[in-house]
């Protein structure tokens, strides 16, 4: 995940387009990609928490498919809550990092065969917690607490506890990057692209479900 170091950061639609166009030039986007925007529909979905029995409501979203990347800026106009999905096949020509099977803790064999790969850009109406995933944040946003999927150890990242906007690089089931003590995984080319495209500084986190 790329997380702005300011939790209230909100990009302009053209900045989202510029970042994804830059990823294309770097050869780091999914192959045979489709582009969709998920936005609030004004409806809610109701369910029940399996552990507490509590009834919960979740805002429902509608999905809009776009013909190409040039349509993103127009599609985001006026939205203050959305996810842009850039989905397709990996590995990319220049992947953001190597991935391995979760069953390979010694990182002996990089997975280079066909796999699902997605880059998504997320904006919410207000800052949400990245520690207690997607809950409204109620404390300061200093320390993001993330889990190393290889050994379950905690990795602390400053200025990563909450955000209104963030970017995720997502891969197929059971595929995980090599992680030791740090989540600083993305290459300088992508970090520079993010900084220039958004005019903001970013830190790196990780979500491994």
N, C-alpha and C. Protein backbone atom coordinates (compact mmCIF):
# COMPACT_ATOMS: atom_id res chain seq x y z
N UNK A 1 0.83 -1.19 0.00
CA UNK A 1 0.00 0.00 0.00
C UNK A 1 0.87 1.24 0.00
N UNK A 2 0.46 2.25 -0.75
CA UNK A 2 1.04 3.58 -0.68
C UNK A 2 0.07 4.46 0.09
N UNK A 3 0.54 5.08 1.17
CA UNK A 3 -0.31 5.85 2.07
C UNK A 3 0.25 7.26 2.20
N UNK A 4 -0.51 8.29 1.88
CA UNK A 4 0.00 9.66 2.05
C UNK A 4 0.36 9.89 3.52
N UNK A 5 1.43 10.64 3.75
CA UNK A 5 1.81 10.90 5.15
C UNK A 5 0.92 11.95 5.80
N UNK A 6 -0.02 12.52 5.04
CA UNK A 6 -1.06 13.39 5.60
C UNK A 6 -2.40 12.68 5.49
N UNK A 7 -3.04 12.35 6.61
CA UNK A 7 -4.26 11.54 6.55
C UNK A 7 -5.44 12.21 5.86
N UNK A 8 -5.41 13.53 5.72
CA UNK A 8 -6.51 14.24 5.09
C UNK A 8 -6.26 14.51 3.61
N UNK A 9 -5.19 13.94 3.05
CA UNK A 9 -4.86 14.21 1.65
C UNK A 9 -5.96 13.68 0.72
N UNK A 10 -6.38 14.52 -0.23
CA UNK A 10 -7.37 14.15 -1.24
C UNK A 10 -6.81 14.54 -2.61
N UNK A 11 -6.66 13.59 -3.53
CA UNK A 11 -6.12 13.94 -4.85
C UNK A 11 -7.17 14.53 -5.77
N UNK A 12 -6.71 15.22 -6.77
CA UNK A 12 -7.58 15.67 -7.84
C UNK A 12 -7.73 14.51 -8.84
N UNK A 13 -8.88 14.42 -9.53
CA UNK A 13 -9.05 13.33 -10.49
C UNK A 13 -7.93 13.23 -11.50
N UNK A 14 -7.43 14.38 -11.98
CA UNK A 14 -6.36 14.35 -12.99
C UNK A 14 -5.08 13.75 -12.41
N UNK A 15 -4.88 13.86 -11.10
CA UNK A 15 -3.68 13.29 -10.49
C UNK A 15 -3.74 11.76 -10.46
N UNK A 16 -4.94 11.23 -10.24
CA UNK A 16 -5.11 9.78 -10.28
C UNK A 16 -4.80 9.26 -11.68
N UNK A 17 -5.33 9.95 -12.68
CA UNK A 17 -5.06 9.58 -14.07
C UNK A 17 -3.57 9.65 -14.36
N UNK A 18 -2.90 10.71 -13.93
CA UNK A 18 -1.47 10.88 -14.19
C UNK A 18 -0.66 9.74 -13.57
N UNK A 19 -1.04 9.34 -12.36
CA UNK A 19 -0.31 8.25 -11.71
C UNK A 19 -0.46 6.94 -12.49
N UNK A 20 -1.68 6.60 -12.88
CA UNK A 20 -1.88 5.35 -13.59
C UNK A 20 -1.26 5.39 -14.99
N UNK A 21 -1.30 6.55 -15.65
CA UNK A 21 -0.63 6.67 -16.94
C UNK A 21 0.88 6.50 -16.76
N UNK A 22 1.42 7.02 -15.66
CA UNK A 22 2.84 6.85 -15.38
C UNK A 22 3.19 5.39 -15.16
N UNK A 23 2.32 4.66 -14.46
CA UNK A 23 2.56 3.23 -14.25
C UNK A 23 2.59 2.48 -15.58
N UNK A 24 1.72 2.89 -16.51
CA UNK A 24 1.73 2.26 -17.84
C UNK A 24 3.08 2.48 -18.51
N UNK A 25 3.60 3.70 -18.44
CA UNK A 25 4.89 4.00 -19.07
C UNK A 25 6.02 3.22 -18.42
N UNK A 26 5.89 2.94 -17.12
CA UNK A 26 6.90 2.14 -16.42
C UNK A 26 6.76 0.65 -16.72
N UNK A 27 5.67 0.25 -17.33
CA UNK A 27 5.42 -1.17 -17.58
C UNK A 27 5.03 -1.92 -16.33
N UNK A 28 4.40 -1.21 -15.37
CA UNK A 28 4.08 -1.82 -14.08
C UNK A 28 2.59 -2.01 -13.83
N UNK A 29 1.78 -1.88 -14.88
CA UNK A 29 0.34 -2.07 -14.74
C UNK A 29 -0.04 -3.48 -15.19
N UNK A 30 -1.26 -3.93 -14.81
CA UNK A 30 -1.73 -5.25 -15.25
C UNK A 30 -1.82 -5.34 -16.77
N UNK A 31 -1.67 -6.53 -17.28
CA UNK A 31 -1.82 -6.78 -18.70
C UNK A 31 -3.29 -7.06 -19.00
N UNK A 32 -3.71 -6.73 -20.21
CA UNK A 32 -5.10 -6.94 -20.63
C UNK A 32 -6.06 -6.37 -19.59
N UNK A 33 -5.79 -5.15 -19.16
CA UNK A 33 -6.49 -4.57 -18.01
C UNK A 33 -7.87 -4.03 -18.37
N UNK A 34 -8.75 -4.08 -17.39
CA UNK A 34 -10.03 -3.40 -17.43
C UNK A 34 -10.03 -2.32 -16.34
N UNK A 35 -10.82 -1.27 -16.54
CA UNK A 35 -10.87 -0.17 -15.59
C UNK A 35 -12.32 0.03 -15.15
N UNK A 36 -12.51 0.06 -13.83
CA UNK A 36 -13.84 0.30 -13.28
C UNK A 36 -13.75 1.30 -12.13
N UNK A 37 -14.81 2.05 -11.94
CA UNK A 37 -14.95 2.92 -10.78
C UNK A 37 -16.10 2.39 -9.93
N UNK A 38 -15.83 2.20 -8.64
CA UNK A 38 -16.89 1.86 -7.69
C UNK A 38 -17.23 3.12 -6.91
N UNK A 39 -18.49 3.51 -6.92
CA UNK A 39 -18.92 4.71 -6.21
C UNK A 39 -20.17 4.42 -5.40
N UNK A 40 -20.44 5.25 -4.41
CA UNK A 40 -21.59 5.04 -3.55
C UNK A 40 -22.88 5.12 -4.36
N UNK A 41 -23.79 4.18 -4.09
CA UNK A 41 -25.06 4.12 -4.82
C UNK A 41 -26.18 4.85 -4.10
N UNK A 42 -25.94 5.22 -2.83
CA UNK A 42 -27.00 5.81 -2.03
C UNK A 42 -27.81 4.78 -1.27
N UNK A 43 -27.51 3.50 -1.48
CA UNK A 43 -28.19 2.42 -0.78
C UNK A 43 -27.23 1.80 0.23
N UNK A 44 -27.75 0.94 1.09
CA UNK A 44 -26.91 0.23 2.07
C UNK A 44 -27.23 -1.25 2.01
N UNK A 45 -26.24 -2.05 2.42
CA UNK A 45 -26.44 -3.49 2.58
C UNK A 45 -26.43 -3.80 4.07
N UNK A 46 -27.31 -4.68 4.49
CA UNK A 46 -27.41 -5.04 5.90
C UNK A 46 -26.98 -6.48 6.10
N UNK A 47 -26.20 -6.71 7.13
CA UNK A 47 -25.75 -8.06 7.45
C UNK A 47 -25.63 -8.22 8.95
N UNK A 48 -25.08 -9.35 9.36
CA UNK A 48 -24.93 -9.64 10.78
C UNK A 48 -23.49 -10.07 11.06
N UNK A 49 -22.90 -9.49 12.08
CA UNK A 49 -21.56 -9.85 12.50
C UNK A 49 -21.58 -11.28 13.03
N UNK A 50 -20.80 -12.15 12.38
CA UNK A 50 -20.83 -13.58 12.74
C UNK A 50 -20.33 -13.84 14.15
N UNK A 51 -19.53 -12.93 14.70
CA UNK A 51 -18.95 -13.15 16.03
C UNK A 51 -19.81 -12.54 17.14
N UNK A 52 -20.39 -11.37 16.89
CA UNK A 52 -21.14 -10.68 17.94
C UNK A 52 -22.64 -10.77 17.76
N UNK A 53 -23.09 -11.11 16.57
CA UNK A 53 -24.52 -11.13 16.30
C UNK A 53 -25.10 -9.76 16.02
N UNK A 54 -24.25 -8.75 16.06
CA UNK A 54 -24.69 -7.38 15.85
C UNK A 54 -25.07 -7.15 14.39
N UNK A 55 -26.16 -6.42 14.17
CA UNK A 55 -26.56 -6.05 12.82
C UNK A 55 -25.69 -4.89 12.34
N UNK A 56 -25.14 -5.02 11.16
CA UNK A 56 -24.27 -3.99 10.62
C UNK A 56 -24.80 -3.57 9.24
N UNK A 57 -24.57 -2.32 8.92
CA UNK A 57 -24.95 -1.81 7.60
C UNK A 57 -23.71 -1.30 6.89
N UNK A 58 -23.62 -1.58 5.61
CA UNK A 58 -22.47 -1.19 4.80
C UNK A 58 -22.99 -0.44 3.58
N UNK A 59 -22.40 0.72 3.27
CA UNK A 59 -22.84 1.45 2.08
C UNK A 59 -22.66 0.59 0.83
N UNK A 60 -23.68 0.52 0.01
CA UNK A 60 -23.60 -0.23 -1.24
C UNK A 60 -22.94 0.62 -2.32
N UNK A 61 -22.28 -0.05 -3.24
CA UNK A 61 -21.58 0.65 -4.32
C UNK A 61 -22.05 0.15 -5.67
N UNK A 62 -21.99 1.03 -6.63
CA UNK A 62 -22.28 0.64 -8.01
C UNK A 62 -20.99 0.77 -8.81
N UNK A 63 -20.88 -0.08 -9.82
CA UNK A 63 -19.64 -0.15 -10.61
C UNK A 63 -19.89 0.39 -12.01
N UNK A 64 -18.96 1.21 -12.45
CA UNK A 64 -19.03 1.80 -13.79
C UNK A 64 -17.77 1.40 -14.54
N UNK A 65 -17.93 0.72 -15.67
CA UNK A 65 -16.79 0.34 -16.50
C UNK A 65 -16.40 1.50 -17.41
N UNK A 66 -15.10 1.71 -17.56
CA UNK A 66 -14.59 2.80 -18.39
C UNK A 66 -13.92 2.23 -19.64
N UNK A 67 -14.03 2.95 -20.76
CA UNK A 67 -13.44 2.44 -22.00
C UNK A 67 -11.92 2.47 -22.02
N UNK A 68 -11.33 3.45 -21.34
CA UNK A 68 -9.88 3.58 -21.32
C UNK A 68 -9.49 4.52 -20.19
N UNK A 69 -8.19 4.65 -19.99
CA UNK A 69 -7.67 5.41 -18.85
C UNK A 69 -8.00 6.90 -18.97
N UNK A 70 -8.22 7.38 -20.18
CA UNK A 70 -8.52 8.81 -20.37
C UNK A 70 -9.88 9.19 -19.80
N UNK A 71 -10.71 8.19 -19.53
CA UNK A 71 -12.06 8.47 -19.01
C UNK A 71 -12.09 8.57 -17.48
N UNK A 72 -10.96 8.30 -16.82
CA UNK A 72 -10.96 8.28 -15.36
C UNK A 72 -11.25 9.66 -14.78
N UNK A 73 -10.56 10.68 -15.26
CA UNK A 73 -10.72 12.02 -14.68
C UNK A 73 -12.17 12.47 -14.72
N UNK A 74 -12.82 12.27 -15.86
CA UNK A 74 -14.23 12.66 -15.97
C UNK A 74 -15.09 11.83 -15.03
N UNK A 75 -14.79 10.52 -14.94
CA UNK A 75 -15.58 9.63 -14.11
C UNK A 75 -15.49 9.94 -12.63
N UNK A 76 -14.41 10.59 -12.19
CA UNK A 76 -14.22 10.90 -10.77
C UNK A 76 -14.72 12.29 -10.39
N UNK A 77 -15.09 13.09 -11.36
CA UNK A 77 -15.51 14.45 -11.06
C UNK A 77 -16.70 14.45 -10.09
N UNK A 78 -16.56 15.24 -9.02
CA UNK A 78 -17.65 15.39 -8.06
C UNK A 78 -17.76 14.29 -7.04
N UNK A 79 -16.90 13.26 -7.10
CA UNK A 79 -16.97 12.15 -6.15
C UNK A 79 -16.02 12.40 -4.98
N UNK A 80 -16.49 12.16 -3.77
CA UNK A 80 -15.59 12.23 -2.61
C UNK A 80 -15.47 10.87 -1.93
N UNK A 81 -15.92 9.81 -2.62
CA UNK A 81 -15.78 8.44 -2.14
C UNK A 81 -15.78 7.53 -3.36
N UNK A 82 -14.69 6.82 -3.60
CA UNK A 82 -14.61 5.96 -4.78
C UNK A 82 -13.45 4.97 -4.65
N UNK A 83 -13.48 3.96 -5.50
CA UNK A 83 -12.32 3.12 -5.74
C UNK A 83 -12.16 2.96 -7.25
N UNK A 84 -10.98 3.22 -7.75
CA UNK A 84 -10.66 2.96 -9.15
C UNK A 84 -9.93 1.62 -9.22
N UNK A 85 -10.52 0.67 -9.95
CA UNK A 85 -9.92 -0.65 -10.10
C UNK A 85 -9.26 -0.75 -11.48
N UNK A 86 -7.96 -1.00 -11.48
CA UNK A 86 -7.20 -1.24 -12.72
C UNK A 86 -6.77 -2.70 -12.63
N UNK A 87 -7.57 -3.59 -13.23
CA UNK A 87 -7.43 -5.04 -12.98
C UNK A 87 -7.07 -5.78 -14.26
N UNK A 88 -6.25 -6.80 -14.10
CA UNK A 88 -5.88 -7.62 -15.24
C UNK A 88 -4.99 -8.76 -14.84
N UNK A 89 -4.04 -9.04 -15.69
CA UNK A 89 -3.18 -10.21 -15.48
C UNK A 89 -1.76 -9.79 -15.19
N UNK A 90 -1.11 -10.53 -14.35
CA UNK A 90 0.30 -10.36 -14.07
C UNK A 90 1.04 -11.62 -14.47
N UNK A 91 2.36 -11.58 -14.36
CA UNK A 91 3.13 -10.42 -13.90
C UNK A 91 3.20 -9.33 -14.97
N UNK A 92 3.35 -8.09 -14.49
CA UNK A 92 3.55 -6.97 -15.40
C UNK A 92 4.92 -7.07 -16.06
N UNK A 93 5.12 -6.25 -17.07
CA UNK A 93 6.43 -6.23 -17.74
C UNK A 93 7.53 -5.90 -16.73
N UNK A 94 7.26 -4.94 -15.87
CA UNK A 94 8.17 -4.59 -14.78
C UNK A 94 7.37 -4.60 -13.49
N UNK A 95 7.24 -5.76 -12.83
CA UNK A 95 6.43 -5.85 -11.62
C UNK A 95 6.96 -4.93 -10.53
N UNK A 96 6.07 -4.44 -9.65
CA UNK A 96 6.52 -3.57 -8.56
C UNK A 96 7.43 -4.30 -7.58
N UNK A 97 7.28 -5.60 -7.47
CA UNK A 97 8.19 -6.43 -6.66
C UNK A 97 7.92 -7.89 -7.00
N UNK A 98 8.81 -8.76 -6.60
CA UNK A 98 8.64 -10.19 -6.81
C UNK A 98 7.61 -10.74 -5.82
N UNK A 99 6.91 -11.78 -6.24
CA UNK A 99 5.97 -12.44 -5.33
C UNK A 99 6.28 -13.92 -5.26
N UNK A 100 5.90 -14.51 -4.12
CA UNK A 100 6.19 -15.91 -3.83
C UNK A 100 4.95 -16.56 -3.25
N UNK A 101 4.90 -17.88 -3.31
CA UNK A 101 3.81 -18.59 -2.66
C UNK A 101 3.95 -18.46 -1.15
N UNK A 102 2.82 -18.32 -0.47
CA UNK A 102 2.85 -18.20 0.99
C UNK A 102 3.42 -19.45 1.64
N UNK A 103 3.47 -20.56 0.91
CA UNK A 103 4.03 -21.80 1.43
C UNK A 103 5.54 -21.90 1.22
N UNK A 104 6.16 -20.83 0.72
CA UNK A 104 7.60 -20.83 0.42
C UNK A 104 8.31 -19.80 1.29
N UNK A 105 8.43 -20.04 2.61
CA UNK A 105 9.00 -19.03 3.51
C UNK A 105 10.47 -18.74 3.28
N UNK A 106 11.15 -19.56 2.49
CA UNK A 106 12.56 -19.31 2.20
C UNK A 106 12.75 -18.54 0.89
N UNK A 107 11.64 -18.16 0.25
CA UNK A 107 11.68 -17.37 -1.00
C UNK A 107 12.59 -18.02 -2.04
N UNK A 108 12.39 -19.30 -2.25
CA UNK A 108 13.29 -20.03 -3.15
C UNK A 108 12.88 -19.90 -4.61
N UNK A 109 11.61 -19.57 -4.86
CA UNK A 109 11.17 -19.56 -6.25
C UNK A 109 10.17 -18.44 -6.49
N UNK A 110 10.60 -17.44 -7.26
CA UNK A 110 9.70 -16.35 -7.63
C UNK A 110 8.60 -16.88 -8.54
N UNK A 111 7.37 -16.41 -8.32
CA UNK A 111 6.25 -16.81 -9.18
C UNK A 111 6.19 -15.89 -10.38
N UNK A 112 6.48 -16.45 -11.55
CA UNK A 112 6.47 -15.65 -12.77
C UNK A 112 5.41 -16.09 -13.76
N UNK A 113 4.57 -17.06 -13.36
CA UNK A 113 3.51 -17.53 -14.24
C UNK A 113 2.29 -16.61 -14.13
N UNK A 114 1.29 -16.87 -14.99
CA UNK A 114 0.10 -16.02 -15.04
C UNK A 114 -0.56 -15.93 -13.67
N UNK A 115 -0.99 -14.73 -13.31
CA UNK A 115 -1.57 -14.47 -11.99
C UNK A 115 -2.47 -13.25 -12.10
N UNK A 116 -3.41 -13.13 -11.18
CA UNK A 116 -4.24 -11.94 -11.11
C UNK A 116 -3.43 -10.79 -10.52
N UNK A 117 -3.63 -9.59 -11.07
CA UNK A 117 -2.89 -8.42 -10.60
C UNK A 117 -3.79 -7.20 -10.75
N UNK A 118 -3.82 -6.37 -9.70
CA UNK A 118 -4.67 -5.19 -9.72
C UNK A 118 -3.99 -4.04 -8.99
N UNK A 119 -4.18 -2.84 -9.51
CA UNK A 119 -3.79 -1.61 -8.82
C UNK A 119 -5.09 -0.84 -8.57
N UNK A 120 -5.35 -0.48 -7.32
CA UNK A 120 -6.55 0.31 -7.08
C UNK A 120 -6.24 1.55 -6.27
N UNK A 121 -6.97 2.61 -6.56
CA UNK A 121 -6.83 3.91 -5.89
C UNK A 121 -8.12 4.18 -5.14
N UNK A 122 -8.01 4.45 -3.84
CA UNK A 122 -9.17 4.52 -2.97
C UNK A 122 -9.30 5.88 -2.31
N UNK A 123 -10.50 6.44 -2.32
CA UNK A 123 -10.80 7.67 -1.59
C UNK A 123 -12.07 7.44 -0.78
N UNK A 124 -12.07 7.87 0.48
CA UNK A 124 -13.26 7.77 1.33
C UNK A 124 -13.70 9.16 1.77
N UNK A 125 -14.95 9.26 2.22
CA UNK A 125 -15.53 10.55 2.59
C UNK A 125 -14.79 11.20 3.75
N UNK A 126 -14.23 10.39 4.63
CA UNK A 126 -13.43 10.88 5.75
C UNK A 126 -12.35 9.85 6.04
N UNK A 127 -11.39 10.23 6.86
CA UNK A 127 -10.28 9.33 7.16
C UNK A 127 -10.77 8.06 7.84
N UNK A 128 -10.21 6.93 7.42
CA UNK A 128 -10.53 5.65 8.03
C UNK A 128 -9.27 5.03 8.62
N UNK A 129 -9.45 4.13 9.55
CA UNK A 129 -8.32 3.46 10.19
C UNK A 129 -7.76 2.39 9.27
N UNK A 130 -6.45 2.34 9.15
CA UNK A 130 -5.79 1.26 8.43
C UNK A 130 -5.27 0.20 9.39
N UNK A 131 -5.38 0.48 10.69
CA UNK A 131 -5.05 -0.52 11.71
C UNK A 131 -6.26 -1.41 11.97
N UNK A 132 -7.40 -0.79 12.26
CA UNK A 132 -8.67 -1.50 12.42
C UNK A 132 -9.41 -1.29 11.12
N UNK A 133 -9.18 -2.15 10.15
CA UNK A 133 -9.43 -1.91 8.73
C UNK A 133 -10.79 -1.27 8.45
N UNK A 134 -10.72 -0.05 7.93
CA UNK A 134 -11.85 0.71 7.42
C UNK A 134 -12.79 1.25 8.49
N UNK A 135 -12.47 1.08 9.77
CA UNK A 135 -13.29 1.70 10.81
C UNK A 135 -12.99 3.19 10.85
N UNK A 136 -13.95 4.03 11.25
CA UNK A 136 -13.65 5.45 11.41
C UNK A 136 -12.53 5.63 12.43
N UNK A 137 -11.55 6.44 12.11
CA UNK A 137 -10.44 6.59 13.06
C UNK A 137 -10.83 7.55 14.16
N UNK A 138 -10.41 7.22 15.38
CA UNK A 138 -10.79 8.01 16.54
C UNK A 138 -9.59 8.52 17.32
N UNK A 139 -8.40 8.19 16.87
CA UNK A 139 -7.20 8.63 17.57
C UNK A 139 -6.24 9.24 16.57
N UNK A 140 -5.01 9.53 17.00
CA UNK A 140 -4.06 10.13 16.07
C UNK A 140 -3.64 9.12 15.01
N UNK A 141 -3.07 9.64 13.96
CA UNK A 141 -2.73 8.79 12.80
C UNK A 141 -1.23 8.54 12.71
N UNK A 142 -0.55 8.45 13.82
CA UNK A 142 0.90 8.36 13.78
C UNK A 142 1.39 6.96 13.39
N UNK A 143 1.10 5.94 14.18
CA UNK A 143 1.72 4.63 13.97
C UNK A 143 0.78 3.65 13.30
N UNK A 144 1.12 3.28 12.06
CA UNK A 144 0.41 2.20 11.41
C UNK A 144 0.98 0.88 11.90
N UNK A 145 0.10 -0.04 12.23
CA UNK A 145 0.52 -1.35 12.76
C UNK A 145 0.14 -2.41 11.75
N UNK A 146 1.15 -3.03 11.13
CA UNK A 146 0.92 -4.02 10.08
C UNK A 146 1.54 -5.36 10.47
N UNK A 147 1.04 -6.40 9.83
CA UNK A 147 1.48 -7.76 10.15
C UNK A 147 2.36 -8.30 9.02
N UNK A 148 3.51 -8.86 9.41
CA UNK A 148 4.35 -9.56 8.44
C UNK A 148 3.72 -10.94 8.21
N UNK A 149 3.24 -11.23 7.00
CA UNK A 149 2.52 -12.49 6.77
C UNK A 149 3.40 -13.73 6.88
N UNK A 150 4.72 -13.53 6.81
CA UNK A 150 5.62 -14.68 6.87
C UNK A 150 5.84 -15.19 8.29
N UNK A 151 5.79 -14.29 9.27
CA UNK A 151 6.08 -14.72 10.64
C UNK A 151 5.13 -14.10 11.68
N UNK A 152 4.14 -13.34 11.20
CA UNK A 152 3.15 -12.69 12.07
C UNK A 152 3.75 -11.63 13.00
N UNK A 153 4.98 -11.23 12.77
CA UNK A 153 5.56 -10.15 13.57
C UNK A 153 4.95 -8.81 13.16
N UNK A 154 4.96 -7.87 14.10
CA UNK A 154 4.41 -6.55 13.85
C UNK A 154 5.43 -5.63 13.21
N UNK A 155 5.00 -4.88 12.22
CA UNK A 155 5.84 -3.86 11.59
C UNK A 155 5.15 -2.51 11.79
N UNK A 156 5.86 -1.58 12.41
CA UNK A 156 5.32 -0.25 12.69
C UNK A 156 5.77 0.72 11.60
N UNK A 157 4.83 1.47 11.05
CA UNK A 157 5.14 2.47 10.03
C UNK A 157 4.57 3.80 10.50
N UNK A 158 5.42 4.80 10.61
CA UNK A 158 4.97 6.12 11.04
C UNK A 158 4.07 6.77 9.99
N UNK A 159 3.07 7.52 10.48
CA UNK A 159 2.14 8.27 9.62
C UNK A 159 1.34 7.36 8.70
N UNK A 160 0.99 6.16 9.19
CA UNK A 160 0.27 5.21 8.34
C UNK A 160 -0.92 4.58 9.04
N UNK A 161 -1.40 5.19 10.12
CA UNK A 161 -2.50 4.58 10.86
C UNK A 161 -3.85 4.83 10.22
N UNK A 162 -3.98 5.93 9.47
CA UNK A 162 -5.27 6.24 8.87
C UNK A 162 -5.06 7.08 7.61
N UNK A 163 -6.10 7.12 6.78
CA UNK A 163 -5.99 7.86 5.53
C UNK A 163 -7.37 8.06 4.92
N UNK A 164 -7.51 9.11 4.12
CA UNK A 164 -8.68 9.25 3.25
C UNK A 164 -8.40 8.63 1.89
N UNK A 165 -7.14 8.70 1.47
CA UNK A 165 -6.76 8.20 0.15
C UNK A 165 -5.58 7.25 0.30
N UNK A 166 -5.59 6.17 -0.45
CA UNK A 166 -4.43 5.26 -0.48
C UNK A 166 -4.49 4.44 -1.77
N UNK A 167 -3.36 3.82 -2.08
CA UNK A 167 -3.21 3.01 -3.30
C UNK A 167 -2.80 1.61 -2.88
N UNK A 168 -3.38 0.60 -3.52
CA UNK A 168 -3.02 -0.79 -3.23
C UNK A 168 -2.55 -1.50 -4.49
N UNK A 169 -1.50 -2.31 -4.31
CA UNK A 169 -1.03 -3.24 -5.34
C UNK A 169 -1.43 -4.62 -4.85
N UNK A 170 -2.29 -5.30 -5.61
CA UNK A 170 -2.86 -6.56 -5.14
C UNK A 170 -2.55 -7.68 -6.12
N UNK A 171 -2.34 -8.88 -5.55
CA UNK A 171 -1.92 -10.03 -6.36
C UNK A 171 -2.81 -11.23 -6.08
N UNK A 172 -2.59 -12.30 -6.85
CA UNK A 172 -3.41 -13.50 -6.72
C UNK A 172 -3.34 -14.12 -5.34
N UNK A 173 -4.32 -14.99 -5.07
CA UNK A 173 -4.39 -15.65 -3.77
C UNK A 173 -3.09 -16.38 -3.43
N UNK A 174 -2.68 -16.21 -2.19
CA UNK A 174 -1.51 -16.90 -1.63
C UNK A 174 -0.19 -16.42 -2.21
N UNK A 175 -0.20 -15.27 -2.90
CA UNK A 175 1.04 -14.69 -3.40
C UNK A 175 1.43 -13.53 -2.51
N UNK A 176 2.68 -13.54 -2.04
CA UNK A 176 3.14 -12.57 -1.05
C UNK A 176 4.53 -12.10 -1.43
N UNK A 177 4.81 -10.78 -1.29
CA UNK A 177 6.18 -10.31 -1.55
C UNK A 177 7.13 -10.74 -0.43
N UNK A 178 8.40 -10.69 -0.73
CA UNK A 178 9.42 -10.97 0.28
C UNK A 178 9.44 -9.82 1.30
N UNK A 179 9.21 -10.15 2.56
CA UNK A 179 9.17 -9.15 3.62
C UNK A 179 10.02 -9.64 4.78
N UNK A 180 10.91 -8.79 5.22
CA UNK A 180 11.71 -9.14 6.40
C UNK A 180 11.36 -8.19 7.54
N UNK A 181 12.04 -7.07 7.67
CA UNK A 181 11.78 -6.15 8.77
C UNK A 181 11.04 -4.88 8.34
N UNK A 182 10.85 -4.70 7.03
CA UNK A 182 10.32 -3.45 6.52
C UNK A 182 9.31 -3.70 5.42
N UNK A 183 8.37 -2.76 5.25
CA UNK A 183 7.41 -2.81 4.16
C UNK A 183 7.78 -1.85 3.03
N UNK A 184 9.00 -1.37 3.02
CA UNK A 184 9.47 -0.51 1.94
C UNK A 184 9.88 -1.39 0.77
N UNK A 185 8.89 -1.76 -0.04
CA UNK A 185 9.07 -2.76 -1.08
C UNK A 185 9.08 -2.20 -2.49
N UNK A 186 8.41 -1.06 -2.71
CA UNK A 186 8.26 -0.55 -4.06
C UNK A 186 9.55 0.08 -4.56
N UNK A 187 9.83 -0.01 -5.85
CA UNK A 187 11.05 0.56 -6.40
C UNK A 187 11.01 2.08 -6.42
N UNK A 188 12.18 2.74 -6.46
CA UNK A 188 12.22 4.20 -6.49
C UNK A 188 11.42 4.80 -7.64
N UNK A 189 11.34 4.11 -8.77
CA UNK A 189 10.61 4.66 -9.92
C UNK A 189 9.14 4.88 -9.60
N UNK A 190 8.51 3.93 -8.89
CA UNK A 190 7.10 4.07 -8.53
C UNK A 190 6.93 5.09 -7.42
N UNK A 191 7.83 5.11 -6.46
CA UNK A 191 7.75 6.10 -5.38
C UNK A 191 7.88 7.52 -5.93
N UNK A 192 8.81 7.71 -6.84
CA UNK A 192 8.98 9.03 -7.45
C UNK A 192 7.75 9.41 -8.26
N UNK A 193 7.20 8.45 -9.00
CA UNK A 193 6.00 8.70 -9.79
C UNK A 193 4.85 9.16 -8.89
N UNK A 194 4.65 8.49 -7.76
CA UNK A 194 3.57 8.86 -6.84
C UNK A 194 3.78 10.26 -6.30
N UNK A 195 5.00 10.56 -5.88
CA UNK A 195 5.30 11.87 -5.32
C UNK A 195 5.06 12.98 -6.34
N UNK A 196 5.51 12.77 -7.57
CA UNK A 196 5.36 13.78 -8.62
C UNK A 196 3.90 13.90 -9.06
N UNK A 197 3.21 12.77 -9.22
CA UNK A 197 1.83 12.79 -9.70
C UNK A 197 0.89 13.48 -8.72
N UNK A 198 1.09 13.21 -7.43
CA UNK A 198 0.16 13.72 -6.42
C UNK A 198 0.69 14.92 -5.65
N UNK A 199 1.96 15.27 -5.83
CA UNK A 199 2.52 16.38 -5.08
C UNK A 199 2.48 16.12 -3.59
N UNK A 200 2.69 14.87 -3.19
CA UNK A 200 2.60 14.47 -1.78
C UNK A 200 3.67 13.43 -1.49
N UNK A 201 3.95 13.24 -0.21
CA UNK A 201 4.88 12.21 0.24
C UNK A 201 4.09 11.00 0.71
N UNK A 202 4.62 9.81 0.46
CA UNK A 202 3.93 8.57 0.78
C UNK A 202 4.81 7.67 1.64
N UNK A 203 4.15 6.88 2.49
CA UNK A 203 4.81 5.79 3.20
C UNK A 203 4.20 4.48 2.70
N UNK A 204 4.81 3.37 3.07
CA UNK A 204 4.34 2.08 2.57
C UNK A 204 3.84 1.20 3.70
N UNK A 205 2.68 0.60 3.48
CA UNK A 205 2.11 -0.35 4.43
C UNK A 205 1.74 -1.62 3.70
N UNK A 206 1.04 -2.51 4.38
CA UNK A 206 0.66 -3.77 3.74
C UNK A 206 -0.55 -4.38 4.39
N UNK A 207 -1.42 -4.95 3.56
CA UNK A 207 -2.61 -5.65 4.06
C UNK A 207 -2.60 -7.04 3.48
N UNK A 208 -2.54 -8.03 4.35
CA UNK A 208 -2.40 -9.42 3.91
C UNK A 208 -3.51 -10.25 4.54
N UNK A 209 -4.59 -10.47 3.77
CA UNK A 209 -5.75 -11.18 4.29
C UNK A 209 -5.59 -12.69 4.10
